[in-house]
Protein backbone atom coordinates (compact mmCIF):
# COMPACT_ATOMS: atom_id res chain seq x y z
CA UNK A 1 -51.24 -54.08 22.99
CA UNK A 2 -51.89 -52.68 19.51
CA UNK A 3 -48.17 -51.98 19.21
CA UNK A 4 -47.41 -55.72 19.34
CA UNK A 5 -49.13 -56.17 15.99
CA UNK A 6 -47.57 -53.01 14.60
CA UNK A 7 -44.08 -54.24 15.49
CA UNK A 8 -44.70 -57.60 13.85
CA UNK A 9 -45.99 -55.87 10.71
CA UNK A 10 -42.75 -53.89 10.48
CA UNK A 11 -40.87 -57.19 10.54
CA UNK A 12 -43.02 -58.46 7.66
CA UNK A 13 -42.74 -55.17 5.76
CA UNK A 14 -38.96 -55.41 5.91
CA UNK A 15 -39.00 -58.91 4.44
CA UNK A 16 -41.33 -57.74 1.66
CA UNK A 17 -39.06 -54.78 0.95
CA UNK A 18 -35.96 -56.92 0.40
CA UNK A 19 -38.04 -59.34 -1.70
CA UNK A 20 -38.67 -56.42 -4.08
CA UNK A 21 -35.00 -55.37 -4.02
CA UNK A 22 -33.10 -58.53 -4.87
CA UNK A 23 -29.67 -56.92 -5.24
CA UNK A 24 -29.71 -55.46 -1.72
CA UNK A 25 -30.93 -58.79 -0.39
CA UNK A 26 -28.08 -60.68 -2.04
CA UNK A 27 -25.39 -58.36 -0.66
CA UNK A 28 -27.08 -58.44 2.75
CA UNK A 29 -26.67 -62.22 2.96
CA UNK A 30 -22.86 -62.16 2.87
CA UNK A 31 -22.18 -60.83 6.42
CA UNK A 32 -24.67 -63.28 7.91
CA UNK A 33 -23.02 -66.23 6.16
CA UNK A 34 -19.61 -65.23 7.51
CA UNK A 35 -20.98 -64.81 11.04
CA UNK A 36 -22.85 -68.12 10.78
CA UNK A 37 -19.65 -70.02 10.01
CA UNK A 38 -17.90 -68.43 13.01
CA UNK A 39 -20.75 -69.15 15.41
CA UNK A 40 -21.25 -72.70 14.13
CA UNK A 41 -17.56 -73.44 14.76
CA UNK A 42 -17.82 -72.03 18.31
CA UNK A 43 -20.97 -74.04 19.15
CA UNK A 44 -19.50 -77.24 17.72
CA UNK A 45 -16.41 -76.73 19.87
CA UNK A 46 -18.64 -76.19 22.91
CA UNK A 47 -20.57 -79.37 22.17
CA UNK A 48 -17.38 -81.43 21.73
CA UNK A 49 -15.35 -80.10 24.67
CA UNK A 50 -18.09 -78.77 26.95
CA UNK A 51 -18.19 -81.93 29.08
CA UNK A 52 -14.42 -81.86 29.52
CA UNK A 53 -14.57 -78.23 30.62
CA UNK A 54 -17.33 -78.97 33.15
CA UNK A 55 -15.36 -81.90 34.53
CA UNK A 56 -12.27 -79.71 34.91
CA UNK A 57 -14.29 -76.95 36.60
CA UNK A 58 -15.99 -79.27 39.14
CA UNK A 59 -13.22 -81.32 40.82
CA UNK A 60 -15.20 -81.25 44.08
CA UNK A 61 -17.71 -83.69 42.55
CA UNK A 62 -15.10 -86.42 42.10
CA UNK A 63 -15.69 -87.76 45.60
CA UNK A 64 -19.49 -87.86 45.35
CA UNK A 65 -21.12 -91.27 45.59
CA UNK A 66 -23.23 -93.13 43.05
CA UNK A 67 -24.48 -91.57 39.86
CA UNK A 68 -24.53 -88.00 41.25
CA UNK A 69 -21.27 -86.75 39.70
CA UNK A 70 -22.40 -87.83 36.24
CA UNK A 71 -25.90 -86.42 36.66
CA UNK A 72 -24.62 -83.15 38.08
CA UNK A 73 -22.01 -82.66 35.38
CA UNK A 74 -24.41 -83.74 32.66
CA UNK A 75 -26.90 -81.09 33.78
CA UNK A 76 -24.17 -78.42 33.87
CA UNK A 77 -23.02 -79.43 30.39
CA UNK A 78 -26.54 -79.04 29.03
CA UNK A 79 -26.94 -75.69 30.77
CA UNK A 80 -23.56 -74.53 29.47
CA UNK A 81 -24.55 -75.32 25.90
CA UNK A 82 -27.95 -73.64 26.42
CA UNK A 83 -26.16 -70.54 27.72
CA UNK A 84 -23.84 -70.61 24.71
CA UNK A 85 -26.84 -70.86 22.41
CA UNK A 86 -28.55 -67.95 24.15
CA UNK A 87 -25.40 -65.83 23.92
CA UNK A 88 -25.16 -66.72 20.23
CA UNK A 89 -28.66 -65.39 19.64
CA UNK A 90 -27.93 -62.27 21.70
CA UNK A 91 -24.65 -61.44 19.97
CA UNK A 92 -25.20 -62.76 16.43
CA UNK A 93 -26.89 -59.58 15.28
CA UNK A 94 -24.18 -57.33 16.74
CA UNK A 95 -21.37 -59.31 15.13
CA UNK A 96 -23.18 -59.60 11.79
CA UNK A 97 -23.96 -55.88 11.71
CA UNK A 98 -20.36 -55.06 12.54
CA UNK A 99 -19.05 -57.34 9.78
CA UNK A 100 -21.59 -56.00 7.29
CA UNK A 101 -21.67 -52.32 8.32
CA UNK A 102 -21.26 -50.95 4.75
CA UNK A 103 -23.80 -53.40 3.30
CA UNK A 104 -26.49 -52.83 5.92
CA UNK A 105 -25.99 -49.08 6.06
CA UNK A 106 -26.53 -48.90 2.31
CA UNK A 107 -29.58 -51.18 2.55
CA UNK A 108 -31.08 -49.11 5.38
CA UNK A 109 -30.46 -45.87 3.50
CA UNK A 110 -32.22 -47.21 0.40
CA UNK A 111 -35.20 -48.37 2.50
CA UNK A 112 -35.29 -44.93 4.15
CA UNK A 113 -35.26 -43.19 0.80
CA UNK A 114 -37.89 -45.52 -0.62
CA UNK A 115 -40.52 -44.57 1.99
CA UNK A 116 -39.52 -40.94 2.51
CA UNK A 117 -42.10 -38.50 1.04
CA UNK A 118 -39.33 -36.40 -0.51
CA UNK A 119 -37.17 -39.36 -1.56
CA UNK A 120 -34.24 -38.44 0.69
CA UNK A 121 -32.50 -40.24 3.55
CA UNK A 122 -30.38 -38.97 6.44
CA UNK A 123 -26.63 -39.46 6.07
CA UNK A 124 -24.14 -39.54 8.90
CA UNK A 125 -21.41 -37.82 6.93
CA UNK A 126 -18.81 -39.76 8.94
CA UNK A 127 -15.93 -41.74 7.44
CA UNK A 128 -16.30 -45.51 7.45
CA UNK A 129 -13.69 -46.02 10.17
CA UNK A 130 -15.59 -43.69 12.50
CA UNK A 131 -18.91 -45.43 11.80
CA UNK A 132 -17.27 -48.79 12.54
CA UNK A 133 -15.81 -47.42 15.77
CA UNK A 134 -19.19 -46.07 16.97
CA UNK A 135 -20.99 -49.25 15.92
CA UNK A 136 -18.44 -51.53 17.60
CA UNK A 137 -18.36 -49.45 20.79
CA UNK A 138 -22.15 -49.34 21.12
CA UNK A 139 -22.49 -53.02 20.24
CA UNK A 140 -20.04 -53.89 23.01
CA UNK A 141 -22.11 -51.88 25.48
CA UNK A 142 -25.27 -53.70 24.40
CA UNK A 143 -23.56 -57.09 24.54
CA UNK A 144 -22.42 -56.38 28.13
CA UNK A 145 -26.01 -55.53 29.08
CA UNK A 146 -27.23 -58.67 27.34
CA UNK A 147 -24.64 -60.81 29.11
CA UNK A 148 -25.76 -59.51 32.50
CA UNK A 149 -29.34 -60.44 31.63
CA UNK A 150 -28.20 -63.84 30.36
CA UNK A 151 -26.37 -64.61 33.61
CA UNK A 152 -29.39 -63.53 35.66
CA UNK A 153 -31.80 -65.62 33.59
CA UNK A 154 -29.40 -68.56 33.71
CA UNK A 155 -29.45 -68.40 37.52
CA UNK A 156 -33.25 -68.02 37.61
CA UNK A 157 -33.53 -71.10 35.41
CA UNK A 158 -32.85 -73.22 38.51
CA UNK A 159 -36.02 -71.95 40.22
CA UNK A 160 -38.56 -74.80 40.19
CA UNK A 161 -41.46 -74.40 37.75
CA UNK A 162 -40.84 -70.70 37.04
CA UNK A 163 -37.38 -71.55 35.70
CA UNK A 164 -38.94 -73.81 33.06
CA UNK A 165 -41.96 -71.63 32.17
CA UNK A 166 -41.73 -67.92 32.99
CA UNK A 167 -37.98 -67.47 32.65
CA UNK A 168 -37.74 -68.70 29.02
CA UNK A 169 -40.53 -66.27 28.04
CA UNK A 170 -38.72 -63.39 29.74
CA UNK A 171 -35.52 -64.53 28.04
CA UNK A 172 -37.04 -64.26 24.56
CA UNK A 173 -38.52 -60.84 25.36
CA UNK A 174 -35.13 -59.58 26.58
CA UNK A 175 -33.42 -61.05 23.54
CA UNK A 176 -36.01 -59.43 21.28
CA UNK A 177 -35.41 -56.04 22.88
CA UNK A 178 -31.64 -56.18 22.36
CA UNK A 179 -32.03 -57.53 18.82
CA UNK A 180 -34.29 -54.59 17.99
CA UNK A 181 -31.84 -52.11 19.48
CA UNK A 182 -29.01 -53.46 17.33
CA UNK A 183 -31.12 -53.42 14.17
CA UNK A 184 -32.66 -49.97 14.63
CA UNK A 185 -29.20 -48.62 15.45
CA UNK A 186 -28.30 -48.85 11.75
CA UNK A 187 -30.89 -46.18 10.88
CA UNK A 188 -30.66 -44.20 14.12
CA UNK A 189 -26.88 -43.86 14.00
CA UNK A 190 -27.22 -42.17 10.62
CA UNK A 191 -29.48 -39.68 12.40
CA UNK A 192 -26.79 -39.19 15.07
CA UNK A 193 -28.97 -40.62 17.85
CA UNK A 194 -26.64 -41.81 20.59
CA UNK A 195 -27.05 -45.08 22.49
CA UNK A 196 -28.80 -43.69 25.57
CA UNK A 197 -31.33 -41.85 23.41
CA UNK A 198 -31.93 -45.01 21.36
CA UNK A 199 -32.59 -47.03 24.49
CA UNK A 200 -34.99 -44.34 25.75
CA UNK A 201 -36.89 -44.50 22.45
CA UNK A 202 -37.23 -48.27 22.65
CA UNK A 203 -38.23 -48.31 26.33
CA UNK A 204 -40.98 -45.81 25.52
CA UNK A 205 -42.53 -48.30 23.05
CA UNK A 206 -41.73 -51.68 24.63
CA UNK A 207 -44.70 -53.51 23.14
CA UNK A 208 -43.74 -52.27 19.67
CA UNK A 209 -40.19 -53.52 20.26
CA UNK A 210 -41.38 -56.90 21.54
CA UNK A 211 -43.74 -57.30 18.59
CA UNK A 212 -40.78 -56.85 16.26
CA UNK A 213 -37.92 -58.45 18.15
CA UNK A 214 -39.42 -61.42 20.01
CA UNK A 215 -40.65 -63.30 16.89
CA UNK A 216 -37.28 -62.56 15.33
CA UNK A 217 -35.47 -64.00 18.36
CA UNK A 218 -37.56 -67.17 18.10
CA UNK A 219 -36.86 -67.43 14.36
CA UNK A 220 -33.13 -66.97 14.93
CA UNK A 221 -33.08 -70.21 16.94
CA UNK A 222 -33.68 -72.15 13.71
CA UNK A 223 -30.36 -72.87 11.95
CA UNK A 224 -29.66 -70.67 8.91
CA UNK A 225 -32.86 -68.66 9.34
CA UNK A 226 -31.00 -65.71 10.87
CA UNK A 227 -28.86 -65.36 7.75
CA UNK A 228 -31.83 -65.13 5.42
CA UNK A 229 -33.91 -62.85 7.68
CA UNK A 230 -31.16 -60.34 8.50
CA UNK A 231 -31.48 -58.12 5.39
CA UNK A 232 -35.24 -57.86 5.82
CA UNK A 233 -34.85 -57.32 9.55
CA UNK A 234 -32.57 -54.33 8.88
CA UNK A 235 -35.09 -52.91 6.39
CA UNK A 236 -38.00 -53.45 8.80
CA UNK A 237 -36.06 -51.91 11.69
CA UNK A 238 -35.39 -48.86 9.50
CA UNK A 239 -39.13 -48.42 8.93
CA UNK A 240 -39.76 -48.85 12.65
CA UNK A 241 -37.06 -46.30 13.49
CA UNK A 242 -38.98 -43.74 11.41
CA UNK A 243 -42.09 -44.56 13.46
CA UNK A 244 -40.18 -44.16 16.73
CA UNK A 245 -39.02 -40.70 15.65
CA UNK A 246 -42.45 -39.69 14.34
CA UNK A 247 -41.24 -39.36 10.74
CA UNK A 248 -43.71 -39.56 7.89
CA UNK A 249 -43.58 -42.30 5.32
CA UNK A 250 -44.65 -42.04 1.72
CA UNK A 251 -45.69 -45.66 1.28
CA UNK A 252 -49.27 -46.81 1.30
CA UNK A 253 -48.82 -48.92 4.43
CA UNK A 254 -49.19 -46.15 6.84
CA UNK A 255 -49.20 -42.45 7.25
CA UNK A 256 -47.52 -40.85 10.15
CA UNK A 257 -48.87 -42.26 13.39
CA UNK A 258 -49.85 -39.78 16.08
CA UNK A 259 -47.07 -39.31 18.58
CA UNK A 260 -48.13 -38.98 22.20
CA UNK A 261 -46.03 -36.93 24.65
CA UNK A 262 -44.67 -40.12 26.19
CA UNK A 263 -43.51 -41.24 22.76
CA UNK A 264 -41.75 -38.02 21.85
CA UNK A 265 -38.16 -38.83 20.88
CA UNK A 266 -35.45 -37.60 23.22
CA UNK A 267 -33.05 -34.92 22.01
CA UNK A 268 -30.74 -36.14 19.26
CA UNK A 269 -27.11 -35.63 20.10
CA UNK A 270 -23.95 -36.31 18.19
CA UNK A 271 -21.70 -39.02 19.56
CA UNK A 272 -18.41 -37.99 20.99
CA UNK A 273 -15.07 -39.41 19.83
């Protein structure tokens, strides 16, 4: 359980890092603002036309008696908007990182260099178009996994009692895991760690991942907060990626933590075309 606190501290360290580096923070806000406008437009459209869509999709309820058609469709409309909100949280990071790939890669590299004992940072050496291709491809794979989880949790939400208590908690933990994967990918892709190896790293330290990602997922539910936390989240995920790989840091916040055999990083392999 110690890793829960460690993960949360990495989230705070990232916010402190960008607070000390105002220029990187300012540039890091731009992709989030663009993504926020796109997602806000989509959610507003869902709120305005969601009821019409539910009515069109449930013609069988037209012949029901009494208030049941309205109650049934009202519940589905609420659930549809809740699902849209959940998907927004799950995919916001992927879309923002894709839009801001050059900004966040530069920010992550500077954070890497700042805590590295020798003042250096790994570089991918790939052209921008190739980095965008790898990032977009891997993000799509993660989004598909997240969508499958979202559909499953949406269905479990109808289970009495558990659907209103346990399922939301699981939902935030799942969201936190995928958020952390997307954020650590910025630093790990520069180290040529492919998606499967990244997922293996994160699964080996689940409590660390939840300590970092779950509070972030909760914070992202508050309007505009995601935009302002994204630069610091990228910086904090970069510091956490160094921990996952057992790399030393030169800052005063922590020397290299001992790496147990179960936490040893998997072999690093270069992505294919």
